[in-house]
Amino acid sequence: MARALPQHEADISLEAQLQNLDREELLDFWEESQFLDQYLESSCPSCSASVHYEQAIVLELQRRATLGRL
């Protein structure tokens, strides 16, 4: 997820990007967001940047479970 994107792809929403990830990539991204969250909590308690990522990932996992894609 941290790769450079061409300008036209940079405008794609996080949710749309998550839908294009395969299961393993999505779970890896979720794990990375957890590490980021732990780091931010220890270094900047008022920062909550990864909360949006976590919510979006959980929603995508729920959507896939509902559709039977997990």
PDB file of N, CA and C in Angstrom:
ATOM      1  N   MET A   1       0.811  -1.191   0.000  1.00  0.00           N
ATOM      2  CA  MET A   1       0.000   0.000   0.000  1.00  0.00           C
ATOM      3  C   MET A   1       0.857   1.260   0.000  1.00  0.00           C
ATOM      4  N   ALA A   2       2.093   1.133   0.377  1.00  0.00           N
ATOM      5  CA  ALA A   2       2.955   2.298   0.472  1.00  0.00           C
ATOM      6  C   ALA A   2       3.693   2.578  -0.831  1.00  0.00           C
ATOM      7  N   ARG A   3       3.307   1.965  -1.895  1.00  0.00           N
ATOM      8  CA  ARG A   3       3.987   2.195  -3.162  1.00  0.00           C
ATOM      9  C   ARG A   3       3.507   3.493  -3.804  1.00  0.00           C
ATOM     10  N   ALA A   4       4.348   4.040  -4.643  1.00  0.00           N
ATOM     11  CA  ALA A   4       4.006   5.289  -5.325  1.00  0.00           C
ATOM     12  C   ALA A   4       2.914   5.028  -6.353  1.00  0.00           C
ATOM     13  N   LEU A   5       1.945   5.898  -6.373  1.00  0.00           N
ATOM     14  CA  LEU A   5       0.831   5.748  -7.307  1.00  0.00           C
ATOM     15  C   LEU A   5       0.888   6.842  -8.362  1.00  0.00           C
ATOM     16  N   PRO A   6       0.557   6.524  -9.593  1.00  0.00           N
ATOM     17  CA  PRO A   6       0.412   7.580 -10.591  1.00  0.00           C
ATOM     18  C   PRO A   6      -0.664   8.561 -10.124  1.00  0.00           C
ATOM     19  N   GLN A   7      -0.593   9.787 -10.571  1.00  0.00           N
ATOM     20  CA  GLN A   7      -1.493  10.834 -10.086  1.00  0.00           C
ATOM     21  C   GLN A   7      -2.965  10.448 -10.201  1.00  0.00           C
ATOM     22  N   HIS A   8      -3.391   9.843 -11.295  1.00  0.00           N
ATOM     23  CA  HIS A   8      -4.810   9.512 -11.455  1.00  0.00           C
ATOM     24  C   HIS A   8      -5.254   8.451 -10.452  1.00  0.00           C
ATOM     25  N   GLU A   9      -4.343   7.578 -10.005  1.00  0.00           N
ATOM     26  CA  GLU A   9      -4.699   6.567  -9.015  1.00  0.00           C
ATOM     27  C   GLU A   9      -4.675   7.126  -7.603  1.00  0.00           C
ATOM     28  N   ALA A  10      -3.954   8.226  -7.392  1.00  0.00           N
ATOM     29  CA  ALA A  10      -3.874   8.828  -6.067  1.00  0.00           C
ATOM     30  C   ALA A  10      -5.226   9.404  -5.653  1.00  0.00           C
ATOM     31  N   ASP A  11      -6.095   9.657  -6.617  1.00  0.00           N
ATOM     32  CA  ASP A  11      -7.410  10.219  -6.324  1.00  0.00           C
ATOM     33  C   ASP A  11      -8.440   9.152  -5.962  1.00  0.00           C
ATOM     34  N   ILE A  12      -8.067   7.887  -6.020  1.00  0.00           N
ATOM     35  CA  ILE A  12      -8.980   6.796  -5.691  1.00  0.00           C
ATOM     36  C   ILE A  12      -9.132   6.721  -4.176  1.00  0.00           C
ATOM     37  N   SER A  13     -10.340   6.541  -3.706  1.00  0.00           N
ATOM     38  CA  SER A  13     -10.591   6.504  -2.266  1.00  0.00           C
ATOM     39  C   SER A  13      -9.913   5.298  -1.619  1.00  0.00           C
ATOM     40  N   LEU A  14      -9.667   5.420  -0.328  1.00  0.00           N
ATOM     41  CA  LEU A  14      -9.079   4.319   0.430  1.00  0.00           C
ATOM     42  C   LEU A  14      -9.955   3.079   0.317  1.00  0.00           C
ATOM     43  N   GLU A  15     -11.258   3.263   0.414  1.00  0.00           N
ATOM     44  CA  GLU A  15     -12.180   2.135   0.356  1.00  0.00           C
ATOM     45  C   GLU A  15     -12.076   1.404  -0.978  1.00  0.00           C
ATOM     46  N   ALA A  16     -11.977   2.154  -2.074  1.00  0.00           N
ATOM     47  CA  ALA A  16     -11.848   1.534  -3.398  1.00  0.00           C
ATOM     48  C   ALA A  16     -10.517   0.800  -3.531  1.00  0.00           C
ATOM     49  N   GLN A  17      -9.450   1.371  -2.966  1.00  0.00           N
ATOM     50  CA  GLN A  17      -8.151   0.700  -3.004  1.00  0.00           C
ATOM     51  C   GLN A  17      -8.192  -0.595  -2.208  1.00  0.00           C
ATOM     52  N   LEU A  18      -8.869  -0.585  -1.056  1.00  0.00           N
ATOM     53  CA  LEU A  18      -8.965  -1.787  -0.226  1.00  0.00           C
ATOM     54  C   LEU A  18      -9.726  -2.890  -0.947  1.00  0.00           C
ATOM     55  N   GLN A  19     -10.740  -2.525  -1.713  1.00  0.00           N
ATOM     56  CA  GLN A  19     -11.517  -3.522  -2.448  1.00  0.00           C
ATOM     57  C   GLN A  19     -10.665  -4.239  -3.488  1.00  0.00           C
ATOM     58  N   ASN A  20      -9.624  -3.572  -3.973  1.00  0.00           N
ATOM     59  CA  ASN A  20      -8.768  -4.163  -5.005  1.00  0.00           C
ATOM     60  C   ASN A  20      -7.654  -5.033  -4.440  1.00  0.00           C
ATOM     61  N   LEU A  21      -7.454  -5.022  -3.127  1.00  0.00           N
ATOM     62  CA  LEU A  21      -6.417  -5.848  -2.515  1.00  0.00           C
ATOM     63  C   LEU A  21      -6.906  -7.282  -2.365  1.00  0.00           C
ATOM     64  N   ASP A  22      -6.000  -8.230  -2.531  1.00  0.00           N
ATOM     65  CA  ASP A  22      -6.400  -9.602  -2.225  1.00  0.00           C
ATOM     66  C   ASP A  22      -6.398  -9.784  -0.707  1.00  0.00           C
ATOM     67  N   ARG A  23      -6.867 -10.916  -0.252  1.00  0.00           N
ATOM     68  CA  ARG A  23      -7.063 -11.163   1.177  1.00  0.00           C
ATOM     69  C   ARG A  23      -5.779 -10.970   1.975  1.00  0.00           C
ATOM     70  N   GLU A  24      -4.680 -11.554   1.500  1.00  0.00           N
ATOM     71  CA  GLU A  24      -3.410 -11.463   2.235  1.00  0.00           C
ATOM     72  C   GLU A  24      -2.904 -10.028   2.305  1.00  0.00           C
ATOM     73  N   GLU A  25      -3.020  -9.293   1.204  1.00  0.00           N
ATOM     74  CA  GLU A  25      -2.591  -7.891   1.206  1.00  0.00           C
ATOM     75  C   GLU A  25      -3.440  -7.065   2.163  1.00  0.00           C
ATOM     76  N   LEU A  26      -4.731  -7.333   2.192  1.00  0.00           N
ATOM     77  CA  LEU A  26      -5.622  -6.602   3.088  1.00  0.00           C
ATOM     78  C   LEU A  26      -5.275  -6.881   4.547  1.00  0.00           C
ATOM     79  N   LEU A  27      -5.031  -8.139   4.872  1.00  0.00           N
ATOM     80  CA  LEU A  27      -4.665  -8.485   6.247  1.00  0.00           C
ATOM     81  C   LEU A  27      -3.296  -7.917   6.616  1.00  0.00           C
ATOM     82  N   ASP A  28      -2.358  -7.893   5.674  1.00  0.00           N
ATOM     83  CA  ASP A  28      -1.050  -7.278   5.926  1.00  0.00           C
ATOM     84  C   ASP A  28      -1.200  -5.788   6.198  1.00  0.00           C
ATOM     85  N   PHE A  29      -2.042  -5.133   5.423  1.00  0.00           N
ATOM     86  CA  PHE A  29      -2.269  -3.703   5.612  1.00  0.00           C
ATOM     87  C   PHE A  29      -2.911  -3.445   6.973  1.00  0.00           C
ATOM     88  N   TRP A  30      -3.852  -4.300   7.371  1.00  0.00           N
ATOM     89  CA  TRP A  30      -4.471  -4.168   8.690  1.00  0.00           C
ATOM     90  C   TRP A  30      -3.407  -4.304   9.782  1.00  0.00           C
ATOM     91  N   GLU A  31      -2.520  -5.291   9.641  1.00  0.00           N
ATOM     92  CA  GLU A  31      -1.462  -5.493  10.632  1.00  0.00           C
ATOM     93  C   GLU A  31      -0.541  -4.268  10.698  1.00  0.00           C
ATOM     94  N   GLU A  32      -0.177  -3.722   9.560  1.00  0.00           N
ATOM     95  CA  GLU A  32       0.664  -2.530   9.531  1.00  0.00           C
ATOM     96  C   GLU A  32      -0.033  -1.348  10.195  1.00  0.00           C
ATOM     97  N   SER A  33      -1.341  -1.228  10.000  1.00  0.00           N
ATOM     98  CA  SER A  33      -2.070  -0.129  10.642  1.00  0.00           C
ATOM     99  C   SER A  33      -2.085  -0.291  12.157  1.00  0.00           C
ATOM    100  N   GLN A  34      -2.073  -1.536  12.639  1.00  0.00           N
ATOM    101  CA  GLN A  34      -2.014  -1.778  14.080  1.00  0.00           C
ATOM    102  C   GLN A  34      -0.665  -1.335  14.647  1.00  0.00           C
ATOM    103  N   PHE A  35       0.420  -1.653  13.942  1.00  0.00           N
ATOM    104  CA  PHE A  35       1.748  -1.204  14.374  1.00  0.00           C
ATOM    105  C   PHE A  35       1.835   0.317  14.364  1.00  0.00           C
ATOM    106  N   LEU A  36       1.289   0.938  13.331  1.00  0.00           N
ATOM    107  CA  LEU A  36       1.281   2.393  13.254  1.00  0.00           C
ATOM    108  C   LEU A  36       0.505   2.985  14.421  1.00  0.00           C
ATOM    109  N   ASP A  37      -0.637   2.408  14.726  1.00  0.00           N
ATOM    110  CA  ASP A  37      -1.457   2.887  15.827  1.00  0.00           C
ATOM    111  C   ASP A  37      -0.710   2.798  17.155  1.00  0.00           C
ATOM    112  N   GLN A  38      -0.023   1.686  17.397  1.00  0.00           N
ATOM    113  CA  GLN A  38       0.756   1.531  18.629  1.00  0.00           C
ATOM    114  C   GLN A  38       1.863   2.575  18.704  1.00  0.00           C
ATOM    115  N   TYR A  39       2.535   2.812  17.587  1.00  0.00           N
ATOM    116  CA  TYR A  39       3.605   3.807  17.556  1.00  0.00           C
ATOM    117  C   TYR A  39       3.048   5.196  17.834  1.00  0.00           C
ATOM    118  N   LEU A  40       1.950   5.546  17.180  1.00  0.00           N
ATOM    119  CA  LEU A  40       1.373   6.871  17.372  1.00  0.00           C
ATOM    120  C   LEU A  40       0.880   7.081  18.794  1.00  0.00           C
ATOM    121  N   GLU A  41       0.299   6.045  19.390  1.00  0.00           N
ATOM    122  CA  GLU A  41      -0.171   6.168  20.769  1.00  0.00           C
ATOM    123  C   GLU A  41       0.977   6.462  21.723  1.00  0.00           C
ATOM    124  N   SER A  42       2.134   5.851  21.489  1.00  0.00           N
ATOM    125  CA  SER A  42       3.271   6.057  22.384  1.00  0.00           C
ATOM    126  C   SER A  42       3.991   7.375  22.117  1.00  0.00           C
ATOM    127  N   SER A  43       4.035   7.824  20.875  1.00  0.00           N
ATOM    128  CA  SER A  43       4.782   9.036  20.559  1.00  0.00           C
ATOM    129  C   SER A  43       3.916  10.286  20.444  1.00  0.00           C
ATOM    130  N   CYS A  44       2.645  10.112  20.171  1.00  0.00           N
ATOM    131  CA  CYS A  44       1.753  11.263  19.983  1.00  0.00           C
ATOM    132  C   CYS A  44       0.339  10.869  20.414  1.00  0.00           C
ATOM    133  N   PRO A  45       0.059  10.936  21.715  1.00  0.00           N
ATOM    134  CA  PRO A  45      -1.245  10.481  22.218  1.00  0.00           C
ATOM    135  C   PRO A  45      -2.457  11.177  21.580  1.00  0.00           C
ATOM    136  N   SER A  46      -2.292  12.399  21.095  1.00  0.00           N
ATOM    137  CA  SER A  46      -3.429  13.110  20.504  1.00  0.00           C
ATOM    138  C   SER A  46      -3.635  12.770  19.026  1.00  0.00           C
ATOM    139  N   CYS A  47      -2.737  11.976  18.442  1.00  0.00           N
ATOM    140  CA  CYS A  47      -2.852  11.580  17.033  1.00  0.00           C
ATOM    141  C   CYS A  47      -3.724  10.334  16.911  1.00  0.00           C
ATOM    142  N   SER A  48      -4.593  10.326  15.933  1.00  0.00           N
ATOM    143  CA  SER A  48      -5.431   9.143  15.694  1.00  0.00           C
ATOM    144  C   SER A  48      -5.567   8.886  14.197  1.00  0.00           C
ATOM    145  N   ALA A  49      -4.462   8.972  13.485  1.00  0.00           N
ATOM    146  CA  ALA A  49      -4.483   8.862  12.024  1.00  0.00           C
ATOM    147  C   ALA A  49      -4.906   7.494  11.526  1.00  0.00           C
ATOM    148  N   SER A  50      -4.545   6.431  12.234  1.00  0.00           N
ATOM    149  CA  SER A  50      -4.814   5.089  11.712  1.00  0.00           C
ATOM    150  C   SER A  50      -6.222   4.600  12.017  1.00  0.00           C
ATOM    151  N   VAL A  51      -6.991   5.349  12.801  1.00  0.00           N
ATOM    152  CA  VAL A  51      -8.350   4.919  13.136  1.00  0.00           C
ATOM    153  C   VAL A  51      -9.190   4.787  11.871  1.00  0.00           C
ATOM    154  N   HIS A  52      -9.066   5.731  10.951  1.00  0.00           N
ATOM    155  CA  HIS A  52      -9.822   5.666   9.701  1.00  0.00           C
ATOM    156  C   HIS A  52      -9.423   4.428   8.901  1.00  0.00           C
ATOM    157  N   TYR A  53      -8.121   4.136   8.860  1.00  0.00           N
ATOM    158  CA  TYR A  53      -7.652   2.952   8.143  1.00  0.00           C
ATOM    159  C   TYR A  53      -8.250   1.690   8.747  1.00  0.00           C
ATOM    160  N   GLU A  54      -8.191   1.591  10.070  1.00  0.00           N
ATOM    161  CA  GLU A  54      -8.706   0.383  10.731  1.00  0.00           C
ATOM    162  C   GLU A  54     -10.194   0.200  10.456  1.00  0.00           C
ATOM    163  N   GLN A  55     -10.959   1.275  10.562  1.00  0.00           N
ATOM    164  CA  GLN A  55     -12.400   1.187  10.310  1.00  0.00           C
ATOM    165  C   GLN A  55     -12.686   0.777   8.866  1.00  0.00           C
ATOM    166  N   ALA A  56     -11.947   1.340   7.929  1.00  0.00           N
ATOM    167  CA  ALA A  56     -12.152   1.011   6.517  1.00  0.00           C
ATOM    168  C   ALA A  56     -11.795  -0.449   6.238  1.00  0.00           C
ATOM    169  N   ILE A  57     -10.722  -0.936   6.854  1.00  0.00           N
ATOM    170  CA  ILE A  57     -10.310  -2.326   6.656  1.00  0.00           C
ATOM    171  C   ILE A  57     -11.336  -3.280   7.252  1.00  0.00           C
ATOM    172  N   VAL A  58     -11.805  -2.979   8.454  1.00  0.00           N
ATOM    173  CA  VAL A  58     -12.811  -3.830   9.095  1.00  0.00           C
ATOM    174  C   VAL A  58     -14.088  -3.858   8.259  1.00  0.00           C
ATOM    175  N   LEU A  59     -14.506  -2.714   7.741  1.00  0.00           N
ATOM    176  CA  LEU A  59     -15.699  -2.680   6.890  1.00  0.00           C
ATOM    177  C   LEU A  59     -15.511  -3.518   5.626  1.00  0.00           C
ATOM    178  N   GLU A  60     -14.320  -3.461   5.035  1.00  0.00           N
ATOM    179  CA  GLU A  60     -14.054  -4.263   3.837  1.00  0.00           C
ATOM    180  C   GLU A  60     -14.063  -5.748   4.175  1.00  0.00           C
ATOM    181  N   LEU A  61     -13.482  -6.123   5.305  1.00  0.00           N
ATOM    182  CA  LEU A  61     -13.507  -7.527   5.723  1.00  0.00           C
ATOM    183  C   LEU A  61     -14.942  -7.997   5.968  1.00  0.00           C
ATOM    184  N   GLN A  62     -15.760  -7.144   6.584  1.00  0.00           N
ATOM    185  CA  GLN A  62     -17.161  -7.492   6.818  1.00  0.00           C
ATOM    186  C   GLN A  62     -17.912  -7.627   5.495  1.00  0.00           C
ATOM    187  N   ARG A  63     -17.633  -6.728   4.555  1.00  0.00           N
ATOM    188  CA  ARG A  63     -18.285  -6.783   3.242  1.00  0.00           C
ATOM    189  C   ARG A  63     -17.939  -8.089   2.532  1.00  0.00           C
ATOM    190  N   ARG A  64     -16.664  -8.459   2.599  1.00  0.00           N
ATOM    191  CA  ARG A  64     -16.237  -9.699   1.952  1.00  0.00           C
ATOM    192  C   ARG A  64     -16.846 -10.918   2.636  1.00  0.00           C
ATOM    193  N   ALA A  65     -16.946 -10.883   3.964  1.00  0.00           N
ATOM    194  CA  ALA A  65     -17.549 -12.006   4.687  1.00  0.00           C
ATOM    195  C   ALA A  65     -19.018 -12.153   4.294  1.00  0.00           C
ATOM    196  N   THR A  66     -19.699 -11.031   4.137  1.00  0.00           N
ATOM    197  CA  THR A  66     -21.101 -11.050   3.738  1.00  0.00           C
ATOM    198  C   THR A  66     -21.259 -11.615   2.329  1.00  0.00           C
ATOM    199  N   LEU A  67     -20.322 -11.276   1.458  1.00  0.00           N
ATOM    200  CA  LEU A  67     -20.377 -11.758   0.077  1.00  0.00           C
ATOM    201  C   LEU A  67     -19.751 -13.135  -0.090  1.00  0.00           C
ATOM    202  N   GLY A  68     -19.142 -13.647   0.980  1.00  0.00           N
ATOM    203  CA  GLY A  68     -18.512 -14.954   0.920  1.00  0.00           C
ATOM    204  C   GLY A  68     -17.175 -14.960   0.212  1.00  0.00           C
ATOM    205  N   ARG A  69     -16.466 -13.835   0.233  1.00  0.00           N
ATOM    206  CA  ARG A  69     -15.194 -13.726  -0.486  1.00  0.00           C
ATOM    207  C   ARG A  69     -13.977 -13.930   0.397  1.00  0.00           C
ATOM    208  N   LEU A  70     -14.139 -14.229   1.667  1.00  0.00           N
ATOM    209  CA  LEU A  70     -12.963 -14.416   2.538  1.00  0.00           C
ATOM    210  C   LEU A  70     -12.348 -15.765   2.358  1.00  0.00           C
TER     211      LEU A  70
END
